[in-house]
Amino acid sequence: MEMVSCYGQDMRERKRHVQVELPLVPKRRGGKRKGAGRPPKGFRSSERHKMRARFDRLTAVHVTLRLIAGYGTLRRRDTYLALRKATRAVLGRSDFRIVHLSPERDHIHMIVEAETNGALARGVQAFEISAAQHLNRAIGRRTGKQRRGSVFADRYHARILRSPTQVRNAINYVLNNWRRHGEDEGWDIEIRSWDVDYLSSAPSFTGWKELADRPLRYEVPPDLRLCVTPPQSWLLSVGWQKAGPISMYAVPGPRR
């Protein structure tokens, strides 16, 4: 007798499913292959990804840019000239300006002014892009091998300066940072004879304590000088002096 289901369909014998064995495939995690494992330390951010402080008026900021691991030192003439070209790239901006700049072996310190936090981000990005291009070209000419790719870590450190004391200490830290790293006591006899760091914007700074009685400042040929801009904010132009003078022979913190 034909059997009919309650849904009006033929009752058929249920299929029996048989499990099919699949061939074992090696897992593609880690191992000795290109791109495997954790990214190299030099390509990881040196700054935690957190919300940056927001501001909407002219503000002084201490910015630190770190190079990727193994890039080489910035304390050379060709890299200095490359950074000079990068400072020219942001020279015409009205909402962002570099006031002080000091390149060290594996990082750059800058004191900048920005109208807003957005202007700060755009200005730093423009400088980083230009600096990376010119630095790669300079190293390519020196080594004879074309270099491309990243130069800076993907996050920069930014510290807002809100008081005369903070600004005074930041200027001292940036312009005298070469002494903290022992560059003034290095093997180069010429550098050891310098009063200020000629690989930074220190020669353009007119606020040195030692120049109080003589208005003459250290002269650098215009075609070699870093293209920094005189400050417009009260803190960076006048206010910092309320916290005391800055000596060109000061060592900001313990030597490293």
Protein backbone atom coordinates (compact mmCIF):
# COMPACT_ATOMS: atom_id res chain seq x y z
CA MET A 1 0.00 0.00 0.00
CA GLU A 2 1.34 3.45 -0.86
CA MET A 3 2.16 5.54 2.15
CA VAL A 4 1.30 9.27 2.19
CA SER A 5 2.67 11.80 4.66
CA CYS A 6 0.53 14.31 6.52
CA TYR A 7 1.91 16.98 4.13
CA GLY A 8 0.67 15.11 1.07
CA GLN A 9 4.16 13.99 -0.05
CA ASP A 10 5.51 10.51 -0.63
CA MET A 11 7.36 8.99 2.26
CA ARG A 12 10.80 8.07 1.04
CA GLU A 13 13.55 6.25 2.78
CA ARG A 14 15.84 8.73 4.55
CA LYS A 15 19.36 8.96 3.16
CA ARG A 16 22.17 7.86 5.38
CA HIS A 17 24.98 10.46 5.39
CA VAL A 18 28.48 9.14 5.42
CA GLN A 19 31.27 11.37 6.77
CA VAL A 20 33.92 12.13 4.16
CA GLU A 21 37.48 12.33 5.33
CA LEU A 22 39.31 15.45 4.16
CA PRO A 23 43.04 15.51 3.49
CA LEU A 24 45.03 17.21 6.22
CA VAL A 25 46.10 20.72 5.24
CA PRO A 26 49.00 22.29 7.16
CA LYS A 27 48.05 25.41 9.09
CA ARG A 28 49.38 28.67 7.63
CA ARG A 29 50.31 30.40 10.86
CA GLY A 30 53.88 31.41 11.65
CA GLY A 31 56.68 29.37 10.23
CA LYS A 32 59.59 30.29 8.04
CA ARG A 33 57.87 32.09 5.23
CA LYS A 34 57.79 35.67 4.01
CA GLY A 35 55.47 37.87 6.05
CA ALA A 36 54.85 35.27 8.74
CA GLY A 37 54.68 35.99 12.44
CA ARG A 38 54.53 39.26 14.33
CA PRO A 39 55.50 42.40 12.40
CA PRO A 40 59.05 43.64 13.03
CA LYS A 41 59.36 45.98 15.98
CA GLY A 42 60.49 48.85 13.77
CA PHE A 43 57.21 48.80 11.86
CA ARG A 44 55.05 48.87 14.94
CA SER A 45 53.77 52.10 16.37
CA SER A 46 55.92 53.81 18.98
CA GLU A 47 52.84 55.63 20.31
CA ARG A 48 49.68 54.09 21.73
CA HIS A 49 46.59 54.54 19.60
CA LYS A 50 44.50 56.76 21.82
CA MET A 51 42.45 59.87 21.26
CA ARG A 52 44.66 62.93 20.86
CA ALA A 53 43.85 66.13 22.71
CA ARG A 54 41.65 68.50 20.72
CA PHE A 55 42.14 72.27 20.53
CA ASP A 56 40.77 75.08 18.40
CA ARG A 57 43.19 77.98 18.93
CA LEU A 58 46.90 78.64 18.37
CA THR A 59 48.73 76.07 20.49
CA ALA A 60 52.36 75.09 21.07
CA VAL A 61 53.07 71.36 20.77
CA HIS A 62 56.19 69.25 21.32
CA VAL A 63 56.20 66.57 18.59
CA THR A 64 58.49 63.52 18.47
CA LEU A 65 58.85 61.47 15.28
CA ARG A 66 60.57 58.09 15.56
CA LEU A 67 62.27 56.30 12.70
CA ILE A 68 61.66 52.65 11.91
CA ALA A 69 64.27 50.24 13.26
CA GLY A 70 67.47 49.91 11.29
CA TYR A 71 67.02 53.02 9.18
CA GLY A 72 70.29 54.66 10.15
CA THR A 73 71.32 57.92 11.76
CA LEU A 74 70.02 61.37 10.87
CA ARG A 75 73.19 63.02 12.17
CA ARG A 76 74.79 63.39 8.75
CA ARG A 77 75.10 66.24 6.29
CA ASP A 78 73.03 64.62 3.52
CA THR A 79 70.16 63.72 5.86
CA TYR A 80 70.29 67.23 7.35
CA LEU A 81 69.88 68.73 3.87
CA ALA A 82 67.02 66.31 3.18
CA LEU A 83 65.24 67.49 6.33
CA ARG A 84 65.85 71.09 5.29
CA LYS A 85 63.91 70.43 2.09
CA ALA A 86 61.12 68.91 4.16
CA THR A 87 60.89 72.01 6.36
CA ARG A 88 60.50 74.08 3.18
CA ALA A 89 57.55 71.90 2.16
CA VAL A 90 55.46 73.17 5.10
CA LEU A 91 56.84 76.70 5.17
CA GLY A 92 53.83 78.28 3.46
CA ARG A 93 51.18 76.89 5.79
CA SER A 94 49.26 79.51 7.73
CA ASP A 95 47.74 77.13 10.30
CA PHE A 96 50.89 75.12 11.10
CA ARG A 97 54.52 76.13 11.53
CA ILE A 98 57.72 74.48 12.75
CA VAL A 99 59.44 76.75 15.29
CA HIS A 100 62.27 74.50 16.51
CA LEU A 101 63.64 71.23 15.12
CA SER A 102 66.39 68.86 16.25
CA PRO A 103 67.26 65.60 14.42
CA GLU A 104 68.88 62.88 16.52
CA ARG A 105 70.13 59.46 15.48
CA ASP A 106 66.79 57.67 15.33
CA HIS A 107 64.19 60.35 16.04
CA ILE A 108 63.28 63.98 15.46
CA HIS A 109 62.12 66.53 18.03
CA MET A 110 60.03 69.50 16.91
CA ILE A 111 58.22 72.33 18.63
CA VAL A 112 55.39 73.49 16.42
CA GLU A 113 52.44 75.84 16.48
CA ALA A 114 49.06 74.79 15.12
CA GLU A 115 45.69 76.52 14.94
CA THR A 116 43.71 73.31 15.58
CA ASN A 117 44.36 69.64 16.27
CA GLY A 118 43.38 68.94 12.66
CA ALA A 119 45.95 71.43 11.39
CA LEU A 120 48.56 69.74 13.60
CA ALA A 121 47.81 66.31 12.10
CA ARG A 122 47.86 67.61 8.52
CA GLY A 123 51.05 69.61 9.07
CA VAL A 124 52.95 66.74 10.65
CA GLN A 125 51.75 64.38 7.92
CA ALA A 126 52.93 66.78 5.19
CA PHE A 127 56.34 67.06 6.84
CA GLU A 128 56.65 63.28 7.26
CA ILE A 129 55.78 62.60 3.62
CA SER A 130 58.26 65.16 2.31
CA ALA A 131 60.98 64.08 4.76
CA ALA A 132 60.56 60.40 3.84
CA GLN A 133 60.92 61.14 0.15
CA HIS A 134 64.01 63.31 0.54
CA LEU A 135 65.66 61.04 3.12
CA ASN A 136 65.20 57.97 0.92
CA ARG A 137 66.72 59.82 -2.03
CA ALA A 138 69.67 61.01 0.07
CA ILE A 139 70.41 57.52 1.35
CA GLY A 140 69.98 56.10 -2.16
CA ARG A 141 72.58 58.51 -3.52
CA ARG A 142 74.97 57.67 -0.68
CA THR A 143 74.66 53.89 -0.93
CA GLY A 144 73.99 53.54 -4.65
CA LYS A 145 70.86 51.52 -3.88
CA GLN A 146 67.39 52.90 -4.41
CA ARG A 147 65.41 53.03 -1.19
CA ARG A 148 61.64 53.25 -0.89
CA GLY A 149 59.05 52.70 1.76
CA SER A 150 58.41 53.79 5.31
CA VAL A 151 60.77 55.99 7.26
CA PHE A 152 58.74 56.95 10.34
CA ALA A 153 56.72 54.86 12.77
CA ASP A 154 52.99 55.11 12.12
CA ARG A 155 52.23 57.28 15.17
CA TYR A 156 53.95 60.40 16.42
CA HIS A 157 54.02 61.62 19.99
CA ALA A 158 52.44 65.02 20.63
CA ARG A 159 52.54 66.89 23.94
CA ILE A 160 50.64 70.16 24.28
CA LEU A 161 52.61 72.92 26.04
CA ARG A 162 50.37 75.03 28.24
CA SER A 163 52.62 77.07 30.55
CA PRO A 164 55.81 79.17 30.36
CA THR A 165 57.69 76.52 32.34
CA GLN A 166 56.61 73.72 30.01
CA VAL A 167 57.62 75.73 26.94
CA ARG A 168 60.96 76.80 28.42
CA ASN A 169 61.82 73.20 29.35
CA ALA A 170 60.71 71.93 25.93
CA ILE A 171 62.90 74.44 24.06
CA ASN A 172 65.88 73.50 26.22
CA TYR A 173 65.18 69.79 25.69
CA VAL A 174 64.85 70.06 21.90
CA LEU A 175 67.73 72.43 21.10
CA ASN A 176 70.17 70.89 23.63
CA ASN A 177 69.13 67.30 22.98
CA TRP A 178 72.41 66.61 21.18
CA ARG A 179 74.23 67.11 24.50
CA ARG A 180 71.90 64.65 26.21
CA HIS A 181 72.87 62.03 23.63
CA GLY A 182 76.57 62.83 23.97
CA GLU A 183 77.04 64.18 20.44
CA ASP A 184 79.06 67.10 21.86
CA GLU A 185 81.58 64.60 23.26
CA GLY A 186 81.71 62.27 20.26
CA TRP A 187 84.57 61.33 17.94
CA ASP A 188 84.03 64.24 15.52
CA ILE A 189 86.47 67.01 16.49
CA GLU A 190 84.52 69.66 14.57
CA ILE A 191 81.24 68.87 16.33
CA ARG A 192 82.96 68.87 19.71
CA SER A 193 83.99 72.49 19.08
CA TRP A 194 80.41 73.66 18.50
CA ASP A 195 78.65 75.86 21.05
CA VAL A 196 75.25 75.00 19.56
CA ASP A 197 74.03 72.12 17.44
CA TYR A 198 74.45 73.20 13.81
CA LEU A 199 72.44 70.16 12.68
CA SER A 200 69.37 71.64 14.37
CA SER A 201 67.59 74.99 14.37
CA ALA A 202 69.62 76.11 17.41
CA PRO A 203 71.68 78.67 15.40
CA SER A 204 68.44 80.49 14.55
CA PHE A 205 67.32 80.73 18.19
CA THR A 206 67.85 84.24 19.56
CA GLY A 207 66.97 83.47 23.18
CA TRP A 208 70.22 81.91 24.35
CA LYS A 209 71.38 83.18 27.73
CA GLU A 210 74.92 83.67 26.40
CA LEU A 211 73.65 86.07 23.72
CA ALA A 212 71.89 88.41 26.14
CA ASP A 213 74.71 90.98 26.04
CA ARG A 214 75.53 90.59 22.38
CA PRO A 215 72.70 90.58 19.88
CA LEU A 216 74.74 88.76 17.24
CA ARG A 217 73.48 85.24 16.70
CA TYR A 218 75.16 82.27 15.11
CA GLU A 219 75.09 82.73 11.39
CA VAL A 220 74.31 79.87 9.03
CA PRO A 221 74.28 80.44 5.25
CA PRO A 222 70.67 80.90 4.10
CA ASP A 223 70.90 77.96 1.71
CA LEU A 224 71.88 75.64 4.60
CA ARG A 225 69.62 76.87 7.39
CA LEU A 226 66.63 74.79 8.48
CA CYS A 227 63.48 76.58 7.38
CA VAL A 228 61.85 77.18 10.76
CA THR A 229 59.36 79.97 11.37
CA PRO A 230 59.33 82.64 14.12
CA PRO A 231 56.59 81.89 16.65
CA GLN A 232 53.35 83.83 16.80
CA SER A 233 52.00 82.59 20.12
CA TRP A 234 52.76 84.47 23.33
CA LEU A 235 54.13 81.36 25.05
CA LEU A 236 56.73 80.57 22.39
CA SER A 237 57.75 84.15 21.65
CA VAL A 238 57.81 85.83 25.07
CA GLY A 239 56.07 83.79 27.73
CA TRP A 240 58.74 81.10 28.15
CA GLN A 241 61.24 83.72 29.36
CA LYS A 242 59.26 84.12 32.58
CA ALA A 243 60.46 80.62 33.55
CA GLY A 244 64.14 81.54 33.28
CA PRO A 245 66.92 81.72 30.67
CA ILE A 246 68.20 78.85 28.55
CA SER A 247 71.94 78.18 28.35
CA MET A 248 73.42 76.70 25.20
CA TYR A 249 75.63 74.51 27.42
CA ALA A 250 72.79 72.96 29.45
CA VAL A 251 72.29 69.19 29.37
CA PRO A 252 68.54 68.40 29.55
CA GLY A 253 68.40 65.38 31.83
CA PRO A 254 70.95 62.56 32.27
CA ARG A 255 73.21 61.75 29.34
CA ARG A 256 72.25 58.67 27.35
